Amino acid sequence: MTCTGNHLARRGFLSVGVVGGLGISLADVLRMEQARADLKNYESKEGVAKSVISIFLPGGMAHQETFDPKPFAPVEYRGPLGSIESAVPGVRVGELLPHTAKVTDKIAICRSMTHGEAAHERGTHNMFTGYRPSPALQYPSMGSVVAHEFGPRNNLPPYVCIPNQPNEFAGTGYLSSSYAGFSLGSDPADTTFQVRDLALPGGVDPVRFDKRRKMLDVVNGYFREKEKSDSLDALDTFYDRAYSMISSEKAREAFDMSKEPDAIKDEYGRNQAGMRMLLARRLVEAGVRFVTLTYGGWDMHDNIAGGMKNQLPALDQGFATLIRDLERRGLLGSTMVCISSEFGRTPKINGTAGRDHWPKVFSVVMAGGGIKQGIVHGSSNATASEPEDDPLTVEDWATTIYDRMGIVADKELMAPGARPIEIVDGGKVRQDLLA
């Protein structure tokens, strides 16, 4: 008897006898098959996120100059930049977001995000894991949790980092290193962009490639009998996924930016923000479940007007195009897009015309994947220093993202020492954000 569908073991050992020899019973096989069927049924529903594109802006993006301007506040709070009307009546955004202003009817702006961590590392940990940092345990990133829960789709890695894993908190934490994000190794904005190790070496044809894989299987099997460890299991998993990607034309083409028309590249913008977002769209369209994308440096303690003018226009163009492009391809409903940063900036402009760290209130953006369109969730007070209503915690935000992907956030995973840890501790799904 054999089990069809997704591979239970990446070497193709599908018979019940062999699987039983690996310590997996027929009941385990049937449970795995049922879990895959349940996931397929869930993803066929309307208003769920089959994929997530998480756009992270490292350094702490100022909410006042972007998604929560205060045009009537005193100038020392308002800042040096103005604001403009958006497609949603009564909702204004920063003057450097003219493209995004036109798609606000398709996104949700959350102006009441809050946590208490004013240090870059701790704030970043919050936003990548849904947890406050702990000296006792390293928590997994949302991308790694998604990889753990769902695995690959269409021979593509479930979790990809563009251009590379941006920080230690984007990693696997207490989960196996086999759930790490796939890093590109180069920037899609480079004219010579090519994903490392995604092509057959010179002189290696498909037949020779297949022989090498079989030889590696034998070697892996030998060492697995000699030693059981996460590092060996993870290495084997990485090799297997790499072989699947290299041998799959569809997987290789997902990373091939030359397949995109020049007009599309121009629409996104031929810069880091635009090309990274275009690649993210290609990846989710091909089957990647979770893409983490980083752009820029937003730690603007000095001359915030100059810093924003230098970096925000490319983000504005790329993000607005991403939303439009996903919609016209019929993907926005099944792809959640988020913009986040580790915290916001101080209410008052400082002595060097910038803003300092401020975690009490800041803004994030969500769109697609079952999120309401054209809304502003929560608000900050008149000086953008505290939540005015509907505070959005990190735990609630992460729980809501997981919920749209079909992951129950209070499910317990096993940390070292057989210690059960909830994916998110204490969060709740924010129904007011859901379509």
Protein backbone atom coordinates (compact mmCIF):
# COMPACT_ATOMS: atom_id res chain seq x y z
CA MET A 1 0.00 0.00 0.00
CA THR A 2 1.27 3.49 -0.80
CA CYS A 3 0.22 6.99 0.18
CA THR A 4 0.03 9.59 -2.58
CA GLY A 5 0.08 13.36 -2.37
CA ASN A 6 2.81 15.38 -0.77
CA HIS A 7 5.90 13.38 0.22
CA LEU A 8 5.94 12.12 3.78
CA ALA A 9 9.69 11.72 3.61
CA ARG A 10 11.52 13.67 0.98
CA ARG A 11 13.30 10.58 -0.33
CA GLY A 12 9.99 9.13 -1.48
CA PHE A 13 9.76 6.27 1.07
CA LEU A 14 5.99 6.03 0.96
CA SER A 15 5.14 2.40 1.65
CA VAL A 16 3.59 1.72 5.03
CA GLY A 17 6.23 -0.87 5.82
CA VAL A 18 9.11 1.53 5.27
CA VAL A 19 7.35 4.38 7.01
CA GLY A 20 6.63 2.10 9.95
CA GLY A 21 10.32 1.31 10.12
CA LEU A 22 10.97 5.02 10.60
CA GLY A 23 8.71 5.08 13.64
CA ILE A 24 5.61 6.41 11.88
CA SER A 25 2.47 4.31 12.16
CA LEU A 26 -0.35 3.95 9.66
CA ALA A 27 -2.46 6.12 11.98
CA ASP A 28 0.25 8.81 11.76
CA VAL A 29 0.18 8.56 7.97
CA LEU A 30 -3.59 8.95 7.87
CA ARG A 31 -3.45 11.90 10.27
CA MET A 32 -0.88 13.60 8.03
CA GLU A 33 -3.02 13.00 4.98
CA GLN A 34 -6.08 14.38 6.79
CA ALA A 35 -4.13 17.45 7.90
CA ARG A 36 -3.10 18.10 4.29
CA ALA A 37 -6.69 17.65 3.14
CA ASP A 38 -7.92 20.03 5.85
CA LEU A 39 -5.36 22.63 4.76
CA LYS A 40 -6.39 22.28 1.12
CA ASN A 41 -10.05 22.73 2.07
CA TYR A 42 -9.23 25.76 4.22
CA GLU A 43 -7.22 27.42 1.48
CA SER A 44 -10.09 26.94 -0.99
CA LYS A 45 -12.29 29.25 1.09
CA GLU A 46 -12.74 32.93 0.39
CA GLY A 47 -11.07 35.47 2.66
CA VAL A 48 -8.15 33.38 3.85
CA ALA A 49 -4.44 33.99 3.36
CA LYS A 50 -2.65 31.32 1.37
CA SER A 51 0.48 33.46 1.54
CA VAL A 52 1.88 36.44 3.46
CA ILE A 53 4.25 39.17 2.27
CA SER A 54 5.70 40.85 5.35
CA ILE A 55 7.44 44.14 4.53
CA PHE A 56 9.63 45.11 7.46
CA LEU A 57 11.18 48.58 7.67
CA PRO A 58 14.18 48.29 10.03
CA GLY A 59 15.06 51.16 12.31
CA GLY A 60 11.62 52.36 13.37
CA MET A 61 9.49 54.13 10.75
CA ALA A 62 7.96 57.42 11.91
CA HIS A 63 4.19 57.13 11.95
CA GLN A 64 3.76 60.92 11.88
CA GLU A 65 5.42 61.28 8.46
CA THR A 66 3.67 58.24 6.94
CA PHE A 67 0.38 56.70 8.05
CA ASP A 68 -0.66 58.85 11.01
CA PRO A 69 0.02 62.52 10.21
CA LYS A 70 -1.19 65.19 12.64
CA PRO A 71 -1.90 68.23 10.44
CA PHE A 72 -3.52 70.21 13.26
CA ALA A 73 -0.88 69.56 15.92
CA PRO A 74 1.68 72.25 16.86
CA VAL A 75 4.58 72.33 14.41
CA GLU A 76 7.02 70.70 16.86
CA TYR A 77 4.72 67.65 16.87
CA ARG A 78 3.46 67.88 13.30
CA GLY A 79 6.96 67.84 11.87
CA PRO A 80 8.45 69.32 8.71
CA LEU A 81 6.34 67.39 6.18
CA GLY A 82 2.71 67.85 5.20
CA SER A 83 -0.11 65.43 4.50
CA ILE A 84 -2.48 64.64 1.65
CA GLU A 85 -5.99 63.29 1.21
CA SER A 86 -6.38 59.63 0.37
CA ALA A 87 -8.93 57.54 -1.51
CA VAL A 88 -10.80 57.07 1.78
CA PRO A 89 -12.70 60.26 2.69
CA GLY A 90 -11.33 61.91 5.81
CA VAL A 91 -8.17 59.79 5.92
CA ARG A 92 -4.88 61.59 5.32
CA VAL A 93 -1.41 60.12 4.81
CA GLY A 94 2.02 61.68 4.58
CA GLU A 95 2.71 63.89 1.58
CA LEU A 96 5.40 61.51 0.32
CA LEU A 97 2.84 58.71 -0.14
CA PRO A 98 0.86 59.85 -3.21
CA HIS A 99 0.72 56.38 -4.78
CA THR A 100 -0.32 54.69 -1.54
CA ALA A 101 -2.96 57.38 -1.03
CA LYS A 102 -4.69 56.08 -4.16
CA VAL A 103 -4.95 52.51 -2.82
CA THR A 104 -6.03 53.24 0.75
CA ASP A 105 -9.47 51.92 -0.18
CA LYS A 106 -7.83 48.48 -0.51
CA ILE A 107 -5.80 48.46 2.74
CA ALA A 108 -6.23 48.70 6.50
CA ILE A 109 -4.17 51.31 8.34
CA CYS A 110 -3.69 50.44 12.00
CA ARG A 111 -2.79 53.57 13.97
CA SER A 112 -2.84 52.13 17.48
CA MET A 113 -0.07 49.50 17.44
CA THR A 114 1.66 49.46 20.80
CA HIS A 115 4.29 47.71 22.91
CA GLY A 116 6.82 48.82 25.50
CA GLU A 117 10.19 48.01 23.93
CA ALA A 118 12.23 51.07 22.90
CA ALA A 119 15.44 49.16 22.00
CA HIS A 120 15.87 48.10 18.37
CA GLU A 121 16.64 44.45 19.13
CA ARG A 122 13.74 43.99 21.53
CA GLY A 123 11.25 45.78 19.31
CA THR A 124 12.37 43.73 16.32
CA HIS A 125 11.98 40.52 18.32
CA ASN A 126 8.40 41.52 19.15
CA MET A 127 7.41 42.14 15.55
CA PHE A 128 9.02 39.01 14.09
CA THR A 129 7.91 36.50 16.73
CA GLY A 130 4.80 37.87 18.44
CA TYR A 131 6.64 37.56 21.77
CA ARG A 132 8.52 39.88 24.05
CA PRO A 133 12.16 38.80 24.35
CA SER A 134 13.08 36.26 27.01
CA PRO A 135 16.56 35.42 28.30
CA ALA A 136 15.44 31.81 28.72
CA LEU A 137 14.19 31.02 25.22
CA GLN A 138 14.61 32.12 21.61
CA TYR A 139 11.21 32.18 19.92
CA PRO A 140 10.68 31.27 16.25
CA SER A 141 9.75 33.88 13.68
CA MET A 142 6.31 33.83 12.09
CA GLY A 143 7.86 32.64 8.83
CA SER A 144 9.48 29.66 10.55
CA VAL A 145 6.24 28.77 12.33
CA VAL A 146 4.43 28.79 8.98
CA ALA A 147 7.17 26.56 7.51
CA HIS A 148 6.82 24.19 10.49
CA GLU A 149 3.04 24.00 10.26
CA PHE A 150 2.61 23.73 6.49
CA GLY A 151 5.87 22.80 4.77
CA PRO A 152 6.69 23.41 1.09
CA ARG A 153 4.24 23.96 -1.74
CA ASN A 154 5.02 23.44 -5.43
CA ASN A 155 8.65 22.47 -4.66
CA LEU A 156 9.28 25.96 -3.31
CA PRO A 157 10.57 26.76 0.17
CA PRO A 158 7.70 27.74 2.46
CA TYR A 159 9.61 30.71 3.91
CA VAL A 160 11.82 33.08 1.89
CA CYS A 161 13.77 36.13 3.05
CA ILE A 162 14.43 38.94 0.54
CA PRO A 163 17.26 39.60 0.08
CA ASN A 164 18.60 37.64 3.11
CA GLN A 165 17.58 36.80 6.67
CA PRO A 166 17.53 40.33 8.09
CA ASN A 167 18.24 39.57 11.75
CA GLU A 168 18.48 36.72 14.25
CA PHE A 169 14.82 37.09 15.19
CA ALA A 170 13.75 36.16 11.66
CA GLY A 171 15.10 32.67 12.34
CA THR A 172 13.81 29.39 13.74
CA GLY A 173 14.25 30.01 17.47
CA TYR A 174 13.62 26.79 19.38
CA LEU A 175 12.36 25.00 16.24
CA SER A 176 14.62 22.88 14.07
CA SER A 177 16.94 24.83 11.80
CA SER A 178 15.29 23.06 8.87
CA TYR A 179 12.49 25.65 9.14
CA ALA A 180 14.80 28.59 8.44
CA GLY A 181 13.99 31.06 5.71
CA PHE A 182 15.56 30.58 2.30
CA SER A 183 17.92 33.53 1.70
CA LEU A 184 18.58 34.69 -1.84
CA GLY A 185 22.25 35.62 -1.49
CA SER A 186 21.89 38.70 -3.70
CA ASP A 187 19.49 41.58 -4.25
CA PRO A 188 16.84 41.34 -6.99
CA ALA A 189 17.54 45.03 -7.73
CA ASP A 190 21.01 44.07 -9.00
CA THR A 191 21.22 43.76 -12.76
CA THR A 192 23.17 40.52 -12.33
CA PHE A 193 20.69 39.06 -9.83
CA GLN A 194 20.73 35.27 -9.62
CA VAL A 195 19.75 33.10 -6.69
CA ARG A 196 22.75 31.20 -5.42
CA ASP A 197 22.81 27.41 -5.83
CA LEU A 198 19.61 27.38 -7.91
CA ALA A 199 21.16 26.23 -11.17
CA LEU A 200 22.94 23.03 -12.14
CA PRO A 201 26.73 23.41 -12.10
CA GLY A 202 28.46 23.58 -15.45
CA GLY A 203 28.81 20.14 -17.05
CA VAL A 204 26.15 18.51 -14.85
CA ASP A 205 23.20 17.28 -16.90
CA PRO A 206 19.90 16.02 -15.36
CA VAL A 207 21.03 12.36 -15.46
CA ARG A 208 24.27 13.10 -13.63
CA PHE A 209 22.36 15.33 -11.24
CA ASP A 210 20.00 12.47 -10.35
CA LYS A 211 22.94 10.11 -9.73
CA ARG A 212 24.50 12.65 -7.36
CA ARG A 213 21.29 12.85 -5.43
CA LYS A 214 21.10 9.08 -5.02
CA MET A 215 24.70 9.00 -3.85
CA LEU A 216 23.98 11.71 -1.29
CA ASP A 217 20.98 9.75 -0.04
CA VAL A 218 23.24 6.80 0.73
CA VAL A 219 25.75 9.00 2.58
CA ASN A 220 23.00 10.76 4.54
CA GLY A 221 21.48 7.45 5.51
CA TYR A 222 24.80 6.17 6.84
CA PHE A 223 25.40 9.18 9.05
CA ARG A 224 21.79 9.20 10.24
CA GLU A 225 22.27 5.72 11.59
CA LYS A 226 25.43 6.84 13.43
CA GLU A 227 24.14 10.03 14.97
CA LYS A 228 20.77 11.63 15.62
CA SER A 229 20.88 15.41 15.75
CA ASP A 230 19.00 18.46 14.60
CA SER A 231 21.97 19.63 12.54
CA LEU A 232 21.99 16.42 10.47
CA ASP A 233 18.21 16.38 10.05
CA ALA A 234 18.22 20.04 9.06
CA LEU A 235 21.07 19.56 6.61
CA ASP A 236 19.25 16.65 5.00
CA THR A 237 16.07 18.71 4.73
CA PHE A 238 17.90 21.62 3.14
CA TYR A 239 19.58 19.32 0.62
CA ASP A 240 16.28 17.70 -0.24
CA ARG A 241 14.48 20.99 -0.74
CA ALA A 242 17.38 22.32 -2.78
CA TYR A 243 17.23 19.28 -5.05
CA SER A 244 13.48 19.74 -5.46
CA MET A 245 13.96 23.38 -6.40
CA ILE A 246 16.78 22.75 -8.84
CA SER A 247 14.90 19.92 -10.54
CA SER A 248 11.65 21.91 -10.81
CA GLU A 249 11.44 24.29 -13.75
CA LYS A 250 8.50 26.10 -12.12
CA ALA A 251 10.48 26.66 -8.94
CA ARG A 252 13.49 28.03 -10.80
CA GLU A 253 11.34 30.32 -12.90
CA ALA A 254 9.72 31.83 -9.79
CA PHE A 255 13.06 33.48 -8.99
CA ASP A 256 13.80 34.49 -12.59
CA MET A 257 13.21 38.24 -12.76
CA SER A 258 13.95 38.25 -16.50
CA LYS A 259 10.49 36.76 -17.02
CA GLU A 260 8.89 40.06 -16.02
CA PRO A 261 8.08 42.63 -18.74
CA ASP A 262 9.97 45.91 -18.60
CA ALA A 263 6.67 47.75 -18.14
CA ILE A 264 5.98 45.87 -14.90
CA LYS A 265 9.48 46.54 -13.60
CA ASP A 266 9.05 50.23 -14.37
CA GLU A 267 5.68 50.24 -12.59
CA TYR A 268 7.21 48.79 -9.43
CA GLY A 269 10.33 50.94 -9.72
CA ARG A 270 13.79 49.72 -10.69
CA ASN A 271 15.18 50.07 -7.18
CA GLN A 272 15.53 47.95 -4.06
CA ALA A 273 11.98 48.49 -2.82
CA GLY A 274 10.33 47.91 -6.18
CA MET A 275 12.33 44.88 -7.27
CA ARG A 276 12.08 43.19 -3.88
CA MET A 277 8.30 43.59 -3.93
CA LEU A 278 8.06 42.37 -7.50
CA LEU A 279 10.02 39.24 -6.59
CA ALA A 280 7.80 38.75 -3.55
CA ARG A 281 4.75 38.79 -5.81
CA ARG A 282 6.37 36.25 -8.14
CA LEU A 283 7.14 33.96 -5.21
CA VAL A 284 3.69 33.95 -3.65
CA GLU A 285 2.15 33.50 -7.08
CA ALA A 286 4.32 30.40 -7.54
CA GLY A 287 3.51 28.95 -4.10
CA VAL A 288 5.77 30.40 -1.38
CA ARG A 289 3.76 30.68 1.82
CA PHE A 290 5.62 33.42 3.74
CA VAL A 291 7.95 36.09 2.34
CA THR A 292 9.84 38.46 4.64
CA LEU A 293 11.06 41.52 2.78
CA THR A 294 13.16 44.31 4.26
CA TYR A 295 13.89 47.73 2.83
CA GLY A 296 15.75 50.84 3.92
CA GLY A 297 16.90 52.21 7.24
CA TRP A 298 14.36 54.23 9.21
CA ASP A 299 16.27 55.17 12.39
CA MET A 300 15.99 58.89 11.65
CA HIS A 301 17.27 60.70 14.73
CA ASP A 302 18.50 63.54 12.51
CA ASN A 303 16.97 65.40 9.55
CA ILE A 304 13.86 63.27 9.26
CA ALA A 305 12.59 65.30 6.30
CA GLY A 306 15.69 64.47 4.28
CA GLY A 307 15.64 60.83 5.33
CA MET A 308 12.00 60.42 4.35
CA LYS A 309 12.49 62.15 1.00
CA ASN A 310 15.37 59.79 0.27
CA GLN A 311 13.62 56.51 1.09
CA LEU A 312 9.85 56.86 1.19
CA PRO A 313 9.08 57.51 -2.52
CA ALA A 314 10.47 54.13 -3.62
CA LEU A 315 8.51 52.33 -0.88
CA ASP A 316 5.38 54.27 -1.83
CA GLN A 317 5.61 53.35 -5.51
CA GLY A 318 6.53 49.71 -4.91
CA PHE A 319 3.88 49.06 -2.26
CA ALA A 320 1.04 50.68 -4.18
CA THR A 321 2.02 48.72 -7.30
CA LEU A 322 2.18 45.49 -5.31
CA ILE A 323 -1.39 46.00 -4.09
CA ARG A 324 -2.66 46.81 -7.59
CA ASP A 325 -0.72 43.96 -9.18
CA LEU A 326 -1.97 41.37 -6.70
CA GLU A 327 -5.53 42.56 -7.25
CA ARG A 328 -5.44 42.45 -11.06
CA ARG A 329 -3.95 38.93 -10.90
CA GLY A 330 -6.69 37.77 -8.56
CA LEU A 331 -4.23 37.22 -5.72
CA LEU A 332 -5.00 40.00 -3.25
CA GLY A 333 -7.84 38.10 -1.62
CA SER A 334 -5.53 35.18 -0.82
CA THR A 335 -2.32 37.11 -0.12
CA MET A 336 -1.91 39.16 3.05
CA VAL A 337 0.50 42.08 2.79
CA CYS A 338 1.82 43.76 5.95
CA ILE A 339 4.05 46.78 6.52
CA SER A 340 5.62 46.96 9.97
CA SER A 341 8.60 48.35 11.85
CA GLU A 342 10.00 47.72 15.33
CA PHE A 343 8.41 50.86 16.80
CA GLY A 344 7.51 54.46 15.95
CA ARG A 345 9.19 57.79 16.64
CA THR A 346 8.87 60.39 19.39
CA PRO A 347 5.94 62.82 19.27
CA LYS A 348 8.16 65.91 19.25
CA ILE A 349 10.86 66.77 16.75
CA ASN A 350 14.22 66.74 18.56
CA GLY A 351 17.09 69.25 18.48
CA THR A 352 18.60 67.74 15.32
CA ALA A 353 15.36 67.87 13.31
CA GLY A 354 14.68 64.15 13.79
CA ARG A 355 12.65 61.86 16.01
CA ASP A 356 13.84 59.30 18.56
CA HIS A 357 12.52 55.82 19.52
CA TRP A 358 8.88 55.56 20.59
CA PRO A 359 7.12 52.20 21.21
CA LYS A 360 3.98 53.48 22.95
CA VAL A 361 2.08 53.94 19.68
CA PHE A 362 2.92 53.48 16.02
CA SER A 363 1.36 52.36 12.76
CA VAL A 364 1.26 49.15 10.76
CA VAL A 365 -0.54 48.43 7.50
CA MET A 366 -2.39 45.26 6.49
CA ALA A 367 -4.10 44.31 3.24
CA GLY A 368 -5.56 41.28 1.47
CA GLY A 369 -5.93 37.77 2.84
CA GLY A 370 -9.26 38.41 4.55
CA ILE A 371 -8.45 41.86 5.98
CA LYS A 372 -11.05 44.62 5.68
CA GLN A 373 -10.40 47.17 2.98
CA GLY A 374 -10.49 50.93 3.29
CA ILE A 375 -10.46 51.18 7.08
CA VAL A 376 -8.44 52.85 9.80
CA HIS A 377 -8.18 50.65 12.87
CA GLY A 378 -7.71 52.51 16.16
CA SER A 379 -6.20 55.91 16.59
CA SER A 380 -3.48 57.74 18.43
CA ASN A 381 -4.09 60.89 20.45
CA ALA A 382 -3.69 64.43 19.13
CA THR A 383 0.10 64.37 19.40
CA ALA A 384 0.60 60.74 18.27
CA SER A 385 2.06 59.84 21.65
CA GLU A 386 -0.46 57.31 23.03
CA PRO A 387 -3.24 55.07 21.68
CA GLU A 388 -6.53 56.95 21.79
CA ASP A 389 -8.76 53.94 21.17
CA ASP A 390 -8.60 50.26 20.17
CA PRO A 391 -4.95 49.58 21.05
CA LEU A 392 -3.48 46.80 18.90
CA THR A 393 -0.99 44.63 20.76
CA VAL A 394 1.75 42.57 19.15
CA GLU A 395 0.06 39.40 20.40
CA ASP A 396 -3.30 40.32 18.84
CA TRP A 397 -1.65 41.37 15.58
CA ALA A 398 0.31 38.10 15.27
CA THR A 399 -2.70 36.00 16.29
CA THR A 400 -4.82 37.66 13.61
CA ILE A 401 -2.21 36.96 10.92
CA TYR A 402 -1.96 33.33 11.97
CA ASP A 403 -5.75 33.00 12.05
CA ARG A 404 -6.06 34.14 8.43
CA MET A 405 -3.53 31.46 7.45
CA GLY A 406 -5.40 28.73 9.28
CA ILE A 407 -3.03 28.45 12.24
CA VAL A 408 -4.46 28.36 15.77
CA ALA A 409 -2.14 30.69 17.65
CA ASP A 410 -2.58 29.07 21.06
CA LYS A 411 -1.48 25.69 19.70
CA GLU A 412 1.50 24.41 21.67
CA LEU A 413 4.80 23.59 19.99
CA MET A 414 7.58 21.68 21.70
CA ALA A 415 10.61 23.66 22.85
CA PRO A 416 13.85 22.07 24.10
CA GLY A 417 13.33 19.88 27.14
CA ALA A 418 9.88 18.80 25.93
CA ARG A 419 8.45 22.11 27.09
CA PRO A 420 5.16 23.08 25.40
CA ILE A 421 5.06 26.70 24.22
CA GLU A 422 2.08 28.41 22.61
CA ILE A 423 2.71 29.87 19.15
CA VAL A 424 1.42 33.15 20.59
CA ASP A 425 0.72 33.62 24.28
CA GLY A 426 -2.41 35.57 25.15
CA GLY A 427 -3.34 37.03 21.77
CA LYS A 428 -6.81 37.18 20.31
CA VAL A 429 -8.12 37.47 16.77
CA ARG A 430 -9.16 41.08 16.08
CA GLN A 431 -12.46 40.50 14.37
CA ASP A 432 -12.79 44.20 13.61
CA LEU A 433 -9.87 43.83 11.19
CA LEU A 434 -11.45 40.95 9.28
CA ALA A 435 -13.58 41.26 6.18
